[in-house]
């Protein structure tokens, strides 16, 4: 049961009735009236802001309108007390019936707690990772991957149809550079001493590619002209790099479909996109002004094929064709987003590093134009990750030689820990990852703090079965326990946090903010650990009271509900819940 949604529906019905009665203006912003948590939990379990946001548009005194709303609220199910606060806030205290309904919903359907159909089956394409196939995945890609994957999980949990996509940039000049770099390693595999010229990729990871090409093709390319070997080595090197990335991602718990830029270009998708834009009247030939910061002698004005991106909120119109007649990267991007739209999608979510923030306006404009405003583009921007070990920032990879790879970090701390830690900060904040801290079993380690709560619960449940073998702790039996016996402030604090989980999932999905899951789980773990500590101080608050089976049963139901919720939250993150530490 989503208590917030339950009371939000009651509030919506009430406000509609008040509009019909002329008590509230029909022009008032009813959608802004919400059910929330009070700033101070001592004031109640839920709070309504309706009077505050609707009074002025309705020409009413907020306090008077709040009293009119409160009169109706007092008759709502499970409402024990209603109080007015400040100029017009309404605080609600819930009775045991509300908690009983919520607990029953958690324990009767533990696999679905927190899931909803608010997305109504809308299709969302989530593009993430999308690394160039020129090197192994780095720790930066790890953050991109987790953000995208957990956003996709959240969207699925809220009833959306999700396409998880990796866009492979395999059509640009960088793949020719990759091919030439791999060819040098191919020659090296035959014993030739090589030097890596400037502009090529020096990474040792390409030695494996060169050796693999030797094993497959033998020496047939050693004396061949570049025209002959370049397309072969390019395809081979890209395939090898992609397979390496997919292997790392599978190990990281991520499966995606791959869309190839080269395949789109070869299929004529760019020309199709330009034809579509021409039909929409948003292409023209013209001369752009010099970019800011450029000296006049650095700028050669020429007529170009331009997209009227300024009509859709961009800062400048964008060129789509180079002087040699080839298309720009942006033209390819437009073709790709048209392809995504035609494959089905009510919205597009794109995970981007902060160094690509400059592309957001043009991509937003492109999607608006190419889809006729039928599809929304949204970018989620993330900042860099810094790795620390022994108090020093780690700048070198054991295998790559010049960057920290995803594989390296998974070797050090494991995939689950890494996924969790990638969400301990808002995406736009720099993330410092201390490899020693995440290995510690202490409250300073957020992964341990949450997982330990779940492990503690598993231990208590096992102990209850040993001490009270006649008491069933099956979920079906716990769901009917007497929740009214849970009266201590520490127990009520846990119930309040549990109630927030379904709403948190919906809000995190809507805002594309997966860090909310970690923040919530940390709060829930803190409430549970607080309950544990209370039992250490007061014997009557211990989980297992052999002389009071009804209360023990209610407490087992409570902590089992906590475990269900922790597990649900961790699963949204792609992390396996721990039952032992």
Protein backbone atom coordinates (compact mmCIF):
# COMPACT_ATOMS: atom_id res chain seq x y z
CA UNK A 1 0.00 0.00 0.00
CA UNK A 2 1.26 3.44 -0.94
CA UNK A 3 -0.08 5.58 1.90
CA UNK A 4 0.90 8.78 0.15
CA UNK A 5 -0.94 7.80 -3.02
CA UNK A 6 -3.94 6.63 -0.97
CA UNK A 7 -4.34 9.95 0.78
CA UNK A 8 -3.39 11.93 -2.34
CA UNK A 9 -6.36 10.34 -4.12
CA UNK A 10 -8.63 11.27 -1.21
CA UNK A 11 -7.28 14.82 -1.29
CA UNK A 12 -7.84 15.09 -5.05
CA UNK A 13 -11.45 13.95 -4.68
CA UNK A 14 -12.03 16.36 -1.81
CA UNK A 15 -10.64 19.35 -3.70
CA UNK A 16 -12.74 18.51 -6.76
CA UNK A 17 -15.82 18.51 -4.52
CA UNK A 18 -14.82 21.87 -3.02
CA UNK A 19 -14.42 23.32 -6.52
CA UNK A 20 -17.91 22.09 -7.38
CA UNK A 21 -19.21 23.71 -4.18
CA UNK A 22 -17.54 27.02 -5.02
CA UNK A 23 -15.21 26.84 -2.00
CA UNK A 24 -12.11 26.75 -4.21
CA UNK A 25 -11.59 28.51 -7.52
CA UNK A 26 -11.65 26.25 -10.57
CA UNK A 27 -8.56 28.15 -11.77
CA UNK A 28 -6.56 27.29 -8.63
CA UNK A 29 -3.48 25.05 -9.17
CA UNK A 30 -4.99 21.86 -7.73
CA UNK A 31 -2.03 19.75 -8.93
CA UNK A 32 0.26 21.59 -6.49
CA UNK A 33 -1.74 20.36 -3.49
CA UNK A 34 0.20 17.39 -2.16
CA UNK A 35 0.53 14.89 0.66
CA UNK A 36 4.00 15.03 2.16
CA UNK A 37 5.94 14.35 5.33
CA UNK A 38 6.05 17.06 8.01
CA UNK A 39 9.37 18.80 8.46
CA UNK A 40 9.26 17.67 12.09
CA UNK A 41 7.90 14.14 12.60
CA UNK A 42 6.66 15.21 16.03
CA UNK A 43 3.96 17.18 14.23
CA UNK A 44 2.43 14.14 12.53
CA UNK A 45 2.85 11.35 10.03
CA UNK A 46 1.61 13.23 6.96
CA UNK A 47 1.16 16.88 6.02
CA UNK A 48 -1.10 18.68 3.52
CA UNK A 49 -0.13 21.97 1.85
CA UNK A 50 -3.48 22.40 0.06
CA UNK A 51 -4.63 25.48 1.92
CA UNK A 52 -1.29 27.21 1.42
CA UNK A 53 -1.20 26.79 -2.36
CA UNK A 54 -4.92 27.21 -3.06
CA UNK A 55 -6.02 30.01 -0.72
CA UNK A 56 -4.68 33.03 -2.62
CA UNK A 57 -5.90 31.91 -6.09
CA UNK A 58 -9.29 31.25 -4.48
CA UNK A 59 -9.42 34.56 -2.61
CA UNK A 60 -9.49 32.76 0.75
CA UNK A 61 -7.73 33.13 4.07
CA UNK A 62 -5.26 30.19 4.27
CA UNK A 63 -6.10 29.40 7.88
CA UNK A 64 -9.84 29.42 7.23
CA UNK A 65 -9.48 27.25 4.12
CA UNK A 66 -7.23 24.87 6.08
CA UNK A 67 -9.96 24.43 8.70
CA UNK A 68 -12.54 23.65 6.02
CA UNK A 69 -10.21 21.02 4.51
CA UNK A 70 -9.32 19.65 7.95
CA UNK A 71 -12.98 19.04 8.78
CA UNK A 72 -13.21 16.61 5.86
CA UNK A 73 -9.79 15.08 6.53
CA UNK A 74 -10.85 14.08 10.06
CA UNK A 75 -13.29 11.61 8.52
CA UNK A 76 -10.74 9.91 6.29
CA UNK A 77 -9.86 6.25 7.00
CA UNK A 78 -7.21 5.59 9.65
CA UNK A 79 -6.80 9.29 10.53
CA UNK A 80 -6.39 9.55 14.28
CA UNK A 81 -5.70 13.27 14.69
CA UNK A 82 -5.65 16.41 12.52
CA UNK A 83 -3.95 19.64 13.56
CA UNK A 84 -3.38 22.99 11.91
CA UNK A 85 0.07 24.52 11.97
CA UNK A 86 1.39 27.93 11.00
CA UNK A 87 -0.66 29.92 8.50
CA UNK A 88 -2.40 26.90 7.00
CA UNK A 89 -0.50 23.61 7.05
CA UNK A 90 -2.51 20.53 7.98
CA UNK A 91 -0.76 17.75 9.92
CA UNK A 92 -2.23 14.25 10.15
CA UNK A 93 -1.49 11.56 12.70
CA UNK A 94 -2.37 8.07 11.49
CA UNK A 95 -3.81 5.30 13.60
CA UNK A 96 -2.70 1.68 13.81
CA UNK A 97 -5.07 0.69 11.01
CA UNK A 98 -2.99 2.56 8.43
CA UNK A 99 0.21 0.84 9.51
CA UNK A 100 -1.55 -2.53 9.56
CA UNK A 101 -2.75 -2.04 5.98
CA UNK A 102 0.71 -1.01 4.86
CA UNK A 103 2.43 -3.91 6.64
CA UNK A 104 -0.04 -6.40 5.20
CA UNK A 105 0.59 -5.10 1.67
CA UNK A 106 4.37 -5.43 2.15
CA UNK A 107 4.32 -8.94 3.59
CA UNK A 108 1.58 -10.39 1.42
CA UNK A 109 3.30 -9.22 -1.77
CA UNK A 110 6.99 -8.73 -0.94
CA UNK A 111 8.07 -9.03 -4.59
CA UNK A 112 5.94 -6.08 -5.69
CA UNK A 113 6.30 -3.61 -2.81
CA UNK A 114 7.21 -0.20 -4.21
CA UNK A 115 6.20 -1.07 -7.75
CA UNK A 116 3.40 0.80 -9.50
CA UNK A 117 1.76 1.42 -12.86
CA UNK A 118 2.14 5.20 -12.84
CA UNK A 119 4.08 5.01 -16.12
CA UNK A 120 1.01 3.55 -17.84
CA UNK A 121 3.17 1.53 -20.22
CA UNK A 122 4.84 4.57 -21.79
CA UNK A 123 8.01 3.68 -23.68
CA UNK A 124 11.32 5.26 -22.64
CA UNK A 125 14.65 4.81 -24.40
CA UNK A 126 17.51 5.04 -21.88
CA UNK A 127 20.88 5.47 -23.57
CA UNK A 128 23.89 4.94 -21.36
CA UNK A 129 27.56 3.99 -21.44
CA UNK A 130 27.86 4.53 -25.25
CA UNK A 131 31.64 4.48 -24.96
CA UNK A 132 33.83 4.91 -28.02
CA UNK A 133 35.22 1.48 -29.02
CA UNK A 134 38.78 2.77 -28.72
CA UNK A 135 39.66 1.63 -25.21
CA UNK A 136 38.38 -0.37 -22.23
CA UNK A 137 35.64 0.93 -20.00
CA UNK A 138 36.89 3.29 -17.31
CA UNK A 139 35.65 4.22 -13.85
CA UNK A 140 33.89 7.17 -15.48
CA UNK A 141 31.94 4.76 -17.66
CA UNK A 142 31.05 2.86 -14.49
CA UNK A 143 29.20 5.87 -13.13
CA UNK A 144 27.46 6.38 -16.45
CA UNK A 145 26.47 2.70 -16.53
CA UNK A 146 25.02 2.61 -13.03
CA UNK A 147 23.09 5.85 -13.45
CA UNK A 148 21.51 4.64 -16.67
CA UNK A 149 20.82 1.11 -15.47
CA UNK A 150 19.19 2.17 -12.21
CA UNK A 151 17.11 4.84 -13.94
CA UNK A 152 15.94 2.08 -16.29
CA UNK A 153 15.11 -0.13 -13.27
CA UNK A 154 13.16 2.68 -11.64
CA UNK A 155 11.21 3.34 -14.81
CA UNK A 156 10.34 -0.34 -15.14
CA UNK A 157 9.30 -0.44 -11.48
CA UNK A 158 6.86 2.39 -12.17
CA UNK A 159 5.20 0.74 -15.13
CA UNK A 160 7.23 2.06 -18.07
CA UNK A 161 8.39 0.03 -21.02
CA UNK A 162 12.14 0.56 -21.17
CA UNK A 163 14.66 0.17 -23.98
CA UNK A 164 18.23 -0.04 -22.63
CA UNK A 165 20.58 1.13 -25.33
CA UNK A 166 24.30 1.47 -26.03
CA UNK A 167 25.05 3.69 -29.02
CA UNK A 168 28.28 2.59 -30.64
CA UNK A 169 30.24 5.44 -32.26
CA UNK A 170 31.93 3.25 -34.86
CA UNK A 171 31.73 5.52 -37.92
CA UNK A 172 34.09 8.35 -37.13
CA UNK A 173 37.77 8.97 -37.71
CA UNK A 174 38.55 7.54 -34.28
CA UNK A 175 37.91 3.97 -35.50
CA UNK A 176 40.43 4.44 -38.31
CA UNK A 177 42.93 5.57 -35.68
CA UNK A 178 42.00 2.48 -33.67
CA UNK A 179 42.59 0.26 -36.71
CA UNK A 180 46.03 1.76 -37.38
CA UNK A 181 46.95 1.43 -33.70
CA UNK A 182 45.79 -2.21 -33.64
CA UNK A 183 47.69 -2.92 -36.86
CA UNK A 184 50.91 -1.80 -35.17
CA UNK A 185 50.23 -4.25 -32.34
CA UNK A 186 49.53 -6.93 -34.96
CA UNK A 187 53.00 -6.39 -36.40
CA UNK A 188 54.41 -6.39 -32.88
CA UNK A 189 52.86 -9.82 -32.31
CA UNK A 190 55.16 -11.14 -35.04
CA UNK A 191 58.22 -9.85 -33.18
CA UNK A 192 58.59 -6.49 -34.90
CA UNK A 193 59.81 -3.60 -32.77
CA UNK A 194 57.28 -0.80 -33.14
CA UNK A 195 56.91 2.81 -32.08
CA UNK A 196 53.53 4.39 -31.51
CA UNK A 197 53.29 7.62 -33.51
CA UNK A 198 51.57 10.66 -32.09
CA UNK A 199 47.84 10.49 -32.69
CA UNK A 200 47.60 6.72 -32.31
CA UNK A 201 46.35 4.93 -29.20
CA UNK A 202 49.32 3.76 -27.09
CA UNK A 203 47.36 1.60 -24.62
CA UNK A 204 48.75 -1.85 -23.91
CA UNK A 205 45.22 -3.24 -24.16
CA UNK A 206 45.65 -3.25 -27.95
CA UNK A 207 48.38 -5.91 -27.68
CA UNK A 208 45.61 -8.44 -27.11
CA UNK A 209 43.81 -7.23 -30.23
CA UNK A 210 46.98 -7.55 -32.30
CA UNK A 211 47.65 -11.03 -30.98
CA UNK A 212 44.05 -12.10 -31.64
CA UNK A 213 44.27 -10.83 -35.24
CA UNK A 214 47.49 -12.81 -35.69
CA UNK A 215 45.80 -15.95 -34.42
CA UNK A 216 42.85 -15.48 -36.78
CA UNK A 217 44.48 -14.27 -40.00
CA UNK A 218 48.11 -15.27 -39.68
CA UNK A 219 50.63 -13.13 -41.57
CA UNK A 220 48.45 -12.22 -44.56
CA UNK A 221 48.29 -8.50 -43.69
CA UNK A 222 51.97 -7.94 -42.91
CA UNK A 223 52.90 -6.84 -46.41
CA UNK A 224 49.47 -5.68 -47.58
CA UNK A 225 48.62 -2.13 -48.58
CA UNK A 226 46.66 -0.05 -46.05
CA UNK A 227 43.76 0.10 -48.47
CA UNK A 228 43.49 -3.69 -48.17
CA UNK A 229 43.99 -4.20 -44.44
CA UNK A 230 42.36 -1.05 -43.02
CA UNK A 231 38.67 -2.09 -43.35
CA UNK A 232 39.46 -5.61 -42.13
CA UNK A 233 41.46 -4.50 -39.10
CA UNK A 234 38.95 -1.74 -38.33
CA UNK A 235 36.06 -4.20 -38.17
CA UNK A 236 38.09 -6.73 -36.21
CA UNK A 237 39.40 -4.18 -33.70
CA UNK A 238 35.95 -2.68 -33.12
CA UNK A 239 34.43 -6.13 -32.60
CA UNK A 240 37.18 -7.08 -30.16
CA UNK A 241 36.83 -3.86 -28.17
CA UNK A 242 33.04 -4.12 -28.10
CA UNK A 243 33.18 -7.71 -26.88
CA UNK A 244 35.57 -6.64 -24.12
CA UNK A 245 33.19 -3.85 -23.07
CA UNK A 246 30.19 -6.19 -23.15
CA UNK A 247 32.06 -8.69 -20.99
CA UNK A 248 32.84 -5.99 -18.42
CA UNK A 249 29.23 -4.78 -18.49
CA UNK A 250 27.85 -8.31 -18.06
CA UNK A 251 30.13 -8.74 -15.07
CA UNK A 252 28.75 -5.41 -13.84
CA UNK A 253 25.19 -6.73 -14.17
CA UNK A 254 24.27 -4.76 -17.28
CA UNK A 255 22.70 -6.00 -20.51
CA UNK A 256 21.85 -3.60 -23.35
CA UNK A 257 21.04 -3.62 -27.01
CA UNK A 258 23.69 -2.01 -29.21
CA UNK A 259 22.91 0.45 -31.99
CA UNK A 260 25.70 1.03 -34.49
CA UNK A 261 26.41 4.46 -35.95
CA UNK A 262 28.12 2.86 -38.96
CA UNK A 263 25.11 0.65 -39.63
CA UNK A 264 22.83 3.69 -39.58
CA UNK A 265 25.09 5.66 -41.93
CA UNK A 266 25.45 2.73 -44.32
CA UNK A 267 21.66 2.30 -44.37
CA UNK A 268 21.15 5.90 -45.50
CA UNK A 269 19.61 7.01 -42.21
CA UNK A 270 21.32 10.41 -42.32
CA UNK A 271 19.80 11.30 -45.67
CA UNK A 272 16.42 10.08 -44.41
CA UNK A 273 16.70 12.38 -41.40
CA UNK A 274 17.69 15.36 -43.53
CA UNK A 275 14.77 14.71 -45.86
CA UNK A 276 12.46 14.65 -42.86
CA UNK A 277 13.87 17.95 -41.58
CA UNK A 278 13.58 19.48 -45.05
CA UNK A 279 9.92 18.53 -45.17
CA UNK A 280 9.46 20.21 -41.80
CA UNK A 281 11.04 23.39 -43.16
CA UNK A 282 13.88 23.61 -40.63
CA UNK A 283 16.90 23.31 -42.98
CA UNK A 284 18.46 26.11 -44.99
CA UNK A 285 21.72 27.15 -46.56
CA UNK A 286 23.46 30.07 -44.91
CA UNK A 287 26.60 31.48 -43.29
CA UNK A 288 27.12 31.25 -39.55
CA UNK A 289 28.58 34.02 -37.46
CA UNK A 290 32.10 33.38 -36.11
CA UNK A 291 32.01 31.49 -32.82
CA UNK A 292 32.71 33.43 -29.66
CA UNK A 293 36.38 33.78 -28.86
CA UNK A 294 37.54 33.34 -32.46
CA UNK A 295 39.69 35.95 -34.15
CA UNK A 296 38.44 37.12 -37.58
CA UNK A 297 41.47 35.56 -39.34
CA UNK A 298 40.64 32.18 -37.73
CA UNK A 299 37.23 32.16 -39.33
CA UNK A 300 36.45 31.38 -42.92
CA UNK A 301 32.79 32.12 -43.62
CA UNK A 302 31.18 29.80 -46.11
CA UNK A 303 27.70 28.77 -47.05
CA UNK A 304 26.64 25.59 -45.28
CA UNK A 305 23.62 23.35 -44.81
CA UNK A 306 22.21 24.50 -41.47
CA UNK A 307 19.58 23.28 -39.04
CA UNK A 308 17.37 25.96 -37.47
CA UNK A 309 18.06 24.71 -33.97
CA UNK A 310 17.51 28.22 -32.57
CA UNK A 311 13.81 27.72 -33.34
CA UNK A 312 13.88 24.99 -30.68
CA UNK A 313 15.82 26.71 -27.91
CA UNK A 314 19.43 26.29 -29.05
CA UNK A 315 21.94 29.14 -28.92
CA UNK A 316 22.98 28.97 -32.60
CA UNK A 317 21.92 27.13 -35.73
CA UNK A 318 23.98 24.01 -36.39
CA UNK A 319 25.87 22.90 -39.52
CA UNK A 320 25.04 19.46 -40.89
CA UNK A 321 27.54 19.12 -43.72
CA UNK A 322 31.29 19.65 -43.96
CA UNK A 323 33.09 21.46 -46.76
CA UNK A 324 34.03 18.11 -48.34
CA UNK A 325 30.37 17.12 -48.59
CA UNK A 326 30.44 14.60 -45.74
CA UNK A 327 27.99 14.89 -42.87
CA UNK A 328 28.85 16.28 -39.44
CA UNK A 329 28.68 14.20 -36.26
CA UNK A 330 25.56 16.14 -35.37
CA UNK A 331 23.84 15.06 -38.58
CA UNK A 332 24.57 11.45 -37.61
CA UNK A 333 23.18 12.15 -34.14
CA UNK A 334 19.94 13.47 -35.62
CA UNK A 335 19.61 10.32 -37.71
CA UNK A 336 20.15 8.18 -34.63
CA UNK A 337 17.51 9.98 -32.59
CA UNK A 338 15.01 9.71 -35.45
CA UNK A 339 15.73 5.99 -35.51
CA UNK A 340 15.14 5.76 -31.76
CA UNK A 341 11.85 7.60 -32.11
CA UNK A 342 10.63 5.39 -34.93
CA UNK A 343 11.45 2.28 -32.91
CA UNK A 344 9.02 3.52 -30.31
CA UNK A 345 9.55 5.95 -27.52
CA UNK A 346 7.56 8.52 -25.64
CA UNK A 347 10.73 9.85 -24.07
CA UNK A 348 14.51 9.61 -24.35
CA UNK A 349 16.87 9.68 -21.39
CA UNK A 350 20.55 10.19 -22.16
CA UNK A 351 23.36 9.78 -19.59
CA UNK A 352 26.13 12.28 -20.39
CA UNK A 353 29.43 13.22 -18.80
CA UNK A 354 29.76 16.84 -17.74
CA UNK A 355 32.25 17.42 -20.57
CA UNK A 356 29.35 16.90 -23.00
CA UNK A 357 26.95 19.41 -21.44
CA UNK A 358 27.38 21.62 -24.49
CA UNK A 359 25.56 19.07 -26.64
CA UNK A 360 22.34 19.10 -24.62
CA UNK A 361 20.67 22.13 -26.21
CA UNK A 362 21.35 20.96 -29.75
CA UNK A 363 20.17 17.41 -29.04
CA UNK A 364 17.05 18.71 -27.32
CA UNK A 365 16.37 20.88 -30.35
CA UNK A 366 17.02 18.00 -32.74
CA UNK A 367 14.60 15.66 -30.97
CA UNK A 368 11.92 18.36 -30.79
CA UNK A 369 12.25 19.02 -34.52
CA UNK A 370 12.63 15.48 -35.80
CA UNK A 371 9.71 14.12 -33.72
CA UNK A 372 7.41 17.11 -34.12
CA UNK A 373 7.45 17.59 -30.36
CA UNK A 374 6.06 14.09 -29.78
CA UNK A 375 9.07 12.87 -27.84
CA UNK A 376 10.88 14.45 -24.92
CA UNK A 377 14.69 14.39 -24.67
CA UNK A 378 16.28 14.58 -21.24
CA UNK A 379 19.96 14.48 -20.37
CA UNK A 380 21.28 13.31 -17.00
CA UNK A 381 24.72 14.82 -16.46
CA UNK A 382 27.32 13.27 -14.19
CA UNK A 383 30.62 14.51 -12.81
CA UNK A 384 33.95 12.71 -12.63
CA UNK A 385 34.92 9.89 -10.28
CA UNK A 386 38.18 10.06 -8.36
CA UNK A 387 39.69 6.87 -6.93
CA UNK A 388 41.69 6.95 -3.71
CA UNK A 389 43.84 4.25 -2.13
CA UNK A 390 46.18 4.63 0.84
CA UNK A 391 45.20 8.27 1.00
CA UNK A 392 46.41 8.97 -2.53
CA UNK A 393 44.46 9.46 -5.73
CA UNK A 394 44.91 6.51 -8.08
CA UNK A 395 45.76 7.65 -11.58
CA UNK A 396 47.21 4.53 -13.16
CA UNK A 397 45.63 1.25 -14.22
CA UNK A 398 47.37 -2.06 -13.72
CA UNK A 399 46.50 -3.11 -17.25
CA UNK A 400 45.81 0.02 -19.28
CA UNK A 401 48.71 2.04 -18.00
CA UNK A 402 47.09 5.44 -18.13
CA UNK A 403 43.56 5.27 -16.70
CA UNK A 404 41.54 3.43 -14.09
CA UNK A 405 39.43 0.74 -15.74
CA UNK A 406 36.07 -0.60 -14.65
CA UNK A 407 37.55 -4.10 -14.59
CA UNK A 408 40.34 -2.99 -12.23
CA UNK A 409 37.93 -1.53 -9.69
CA UNK A 410 35.60 -4.53 -9.83
CA UNK A 411 38.64 -6.71 -9.10
CA UNK A 412 39.41 -4.56 -6.04
CA UNK A 413 35.98 -4.11 -4.44
CA UNK A 414 33.42 -6.17 -6.37
CA UNK A 415 30.60 -5.18 -8.70
CA UNK A 416 27.90 -4.81 -6.01
CA UNK A 417 29.93 -2.45 -3.86
CA UNK A 418 30.91 -0.38 -6.87
CA UNK A 419 27.30 -0.07 -8.07
CA UNK A 420 26.19 1.05 -4.61
CA UNK A 421 28.98 3.60 -4.25
CA UNK A 422 28.27 5.15 -7.65
CA UNK A 423 24.94 6.35 -6.23
CA UNK A 424 26.12 7.82 -2.94
CA UNK A 425 26.25 11.31 -4.45
CA UNK A 426 23.98 13.26 -6.75
CA UNK A 427 25.06 12.66 -10.34
CA UNK A 428 26.28 16.22 -10.87
CA UNK A 429 28.57 16.07 -7.80
CA UNK A 430 32.17 14.84 -8.02
CA UNK A 431 32.38 11.35 -6.50
CA UNK A 432 35.43 10.40 -4.41
CA UNK A 433 35.72 6.62 -4.05
CA UNK A 434 38.03 5.47 -1.25
CA UNK A 435 38.84 1.80 -1.87
CA UNK A 436 39.91 1.28 1.73
CA UNK A 437 36.77 2.83 3.22
CA UNK A 438 34.43 0.62 1.19
CA UNK A 439 36.28 -2.45 2.47
CA UNK A 440 35.75 -1.45 6.10
CA UNK A 441 33.00 -3.02 8.18
CA UNK A 442 31.99 0.19 9.93
CA UNK A 443 29.14 2.66 9.98
CA UNK A 444 31.29 5.02 7.92
CA UNK A 445 30.91 2.61 5.02
CA UNK A 446 27.43 3.20 3.53
CA UNK A 447 27.39 -0.19 1.78
CA UNK A 448 28.14 -2.03 5.02
CA UNK A 449 25.68 0.14 6.96
CA UNK A 450 22.74 -0.88 4.76
CA UNK A 451 23.75 -4.49 4.16
CA UNK A 452 24.46 -4.99 7.87
CA UNK A 453 20.91 -3.93 8.71
CA UNK A 454 19.57 -6.66 6.44
CA UNK A 455 22.01 -9.23 7.82
CA UNK A 456 21.03 -8.30 11.38
CA UNK A 457 17.38 -8.80 10.55
CA UNK A 458 18.07 -12.23 9.07
CA UNK A 459 19.93 -13.16 12.26
CA UNK A 460 17.06 -12.00 14.50
CA UNK A 461 14.49 -13.90 12.46
CA UNK A 462 16.56 -17.09 12.68
CA UNK A 463 16.97 -16.63 16.44
CA UNK A 464 13.22 -16.09 16.90
CA UNK A 465 12.55 -19.44 15.23
CA UNK A 466 15.01 -21.11 17.58
CA UNK A 467 13.61 -19.54 20.75
CA UNK A 468 9.92 -19.64 19.76
CA UNK A 469 9.56 -22.59 17.38
CA UNK A 470 5.76 -22.55 17.77
CA UNK A 471 5.59 -18.99 16.35
CA UNK A 472 5.39 -18.86 12.56
CA UNK A 473 7.42 -16.16 10.85
CA UNK A 474 6.21 -16.95 7.37
CA UNK A 475 5.29 -13.76 5.53
CA UNK A 476 1.66 -14.83 5.25
CA UNK A 477 1.41 -15.19 9.04
CA UNK A 478 3.43 -12.09 9.84
CA UNK A 479 1.11 -10.06 7.60
CA UNK A 480 -1.73 -10.56 10.11
CA UNK A 481 0.26 -9.70 13.24
CA UNK A 482 -1.14 -7.09 15.63
CA UNK A 483 0.61 -3.94 14.44
CA UNK A 484 -1.25 -1.88 17.08
CA UNK A 485 1.23 -3.30 19.60
CA UNK A 486 4.04 -1.30 17.98
CA UNK A 487 3.77 1.87 20.01
CA UNK A 488 7.30 2.97 20.85
CA UNK A 489 8.66 6.03 19.09
CA UNK A 490 11.52 3.97 17.63
CA UNK A 491 9.03 1.50 16.11
CA UNK A 492 6.81 4.26 14.73
CA UNK A 493 9.89 5.92 13.22
CA UNK A 494 10.58 2.73 11.26
CA UNK A 495 6.96 2.54 10.09
CA UNK A 496 7.11 6.14 8.83
CA UNK A 497 10.24 5.46 6.79
CA UNK A 498 8.74 2.26 5.35
CA UNK A 499 5.71 4.24 4.19
CA UNK A 500 7.95 6.52 2.10
CA UNK A 501 9.40 3.77 -0.11
CA UNK A 502 6.73 3.57 -2.86
CA UNK A 503 6.62 7.36 -3.14
CA UNK A 504 10.42 7.54 -3.26
CA UNK A 505 10.52 5.07 -6.14
CA UNK A 506 7.97 7.09 -8.12
CA UNK A 507 9.73 10.39 -7.44
CA UNK A 508 13.19 8.99 -8.24
CA UNK A 509 11.88 7.61 -11.54
CA UNK A 510 10.16 10.88 -12.44
CA UNK A 511 13.17 13.03 -11.55
CA UNK A 512 15.71 10.56 -13.06
CA UNK A 513 17.57 10.68 -9.72
CA UNK A 514 18.70 7.19 -8.72
CA UNK A 515 20.77 8.49 -5.80
CA UNK A 516 17.45 8.83 -3.94
CA UNK A 517 17.40 5.06 -3.55
CA UNK A 518 20.70 5.06 -1.64
CA UNK A 519 19.66 8.05 0.45
CA UNK A 520 16.39 6.30 1.33
CA UNK A 521 18.05 2.99 2.20
CA UNK A 522 20.51 4.81 4.44
CA UNK A 523 17.59 6.45 6.27
CA UNK A 524 15.79 3.13 6.63
CA UNK A 525 18.92 1.40 7.89
CA UNK A 526 19.42 4.24 10.38
CA UNK A 527 15.84 3.83 11.66
CA UNK A 528 16.39 0.09 12.07
CA UNK A 529 19.77 0.48 13.77
CA UNK A 530 18.11 3.05 16.05
CA UNK A 531 15.47 0.48 16.98
CA UNK A 532 18.21 -2.06 17.68
CA UNK A 533 20.03 0.45 19.91
CA UNK A 534 16.79 1.25 21.76
CA UNK A 535 16.46 -2.44 22.62
CA UNK A 536 19.97 -2.44 24.03
CA UNK A 537 19.02 0.43 26.33
CA UNK A 538 15.55 -0.82 27.28
CA UNK A 539 14.91 -4.56 27.59
CA UNK A 540 11.19 -4.09 26.86
CA UNK A 541 12.07 -2.86 23.36
CA UNK A 542 14.07 -5.93 22.39
CA UNK A 543 12.91 -7.73 19.28
CA UNK A 544 12.36 -11.09 20.97
CA UNK A 545 10.40 -11.27 24.22
CA UNK A 546 9.90 -14.94 25.05
CA UNK A 547 7.16 -14.09 27.55
CA UNK A 548 5.22 -11.91 25.06
CA UNK A 549 4.69 -13.76 21.82
CA UNK A 550 2.11 -11.36 20.28
CA UNK A 551 4.47 -8.39 20.64
CA UNK A 552 7.41 -10.46 19.42
CA UNK A 553 5.36 -11.51 16.40
CA UNK A 554 4.52 -7.88 15.60
CA UNK A 555 8.18 -6.92 15.86
CA UNK A 556 9.20 -9.80 13.60
CA UNK A 557 6.65 -8.50 11.09
CA UNK A 558 8.15 -5.02 11.37
CA UNK A 559 11.76 -6.05 10.80
CA UNK A 560 10.77 -8.47 8.06
CA UNK A 561 9.05 -5.55 6.31
CA UNK A 562 12.31 -3.61 6.67
CA UNK A 563 14.21 -6.50 5.10
CA UNK A 564 11.72 -6.71 2.21
CA UNK A 565 12.15 -2.99 1.59
CA UNK A 566 15.94 -3.02 1.82
CA UNK A 567 16.01 -5.94 -0.62
CA UNK A 568 13.64 -4.13 -3.00
CA UNK A 569 15.80 -1.01 -2.89
CA UNK A 570 19.04 -2.92 -3.44
CA UNK A 571 17.49 -4.82 -6.33
CA UNK A 572 16.56 -1.52 -7.96
CA UNK A 573 20.26 -0.73 -7.74
CA UNK A 574 21.26 -4.11 -9.17
CA UNK A 575 22.84 -5.11 -5.85
CA UNK A 576 22.37 -8.49 -4.18
CA UNK A 577 21.01 -8.19 -0.59
CA UNK A 578 23.24 -9.80 2.05
CA UNK A 579 21.79 -12.05 4.76
CA UNK A 580 25.14 -12.62 6.46
CA UNK A 581 28.16 -10.37 6.95
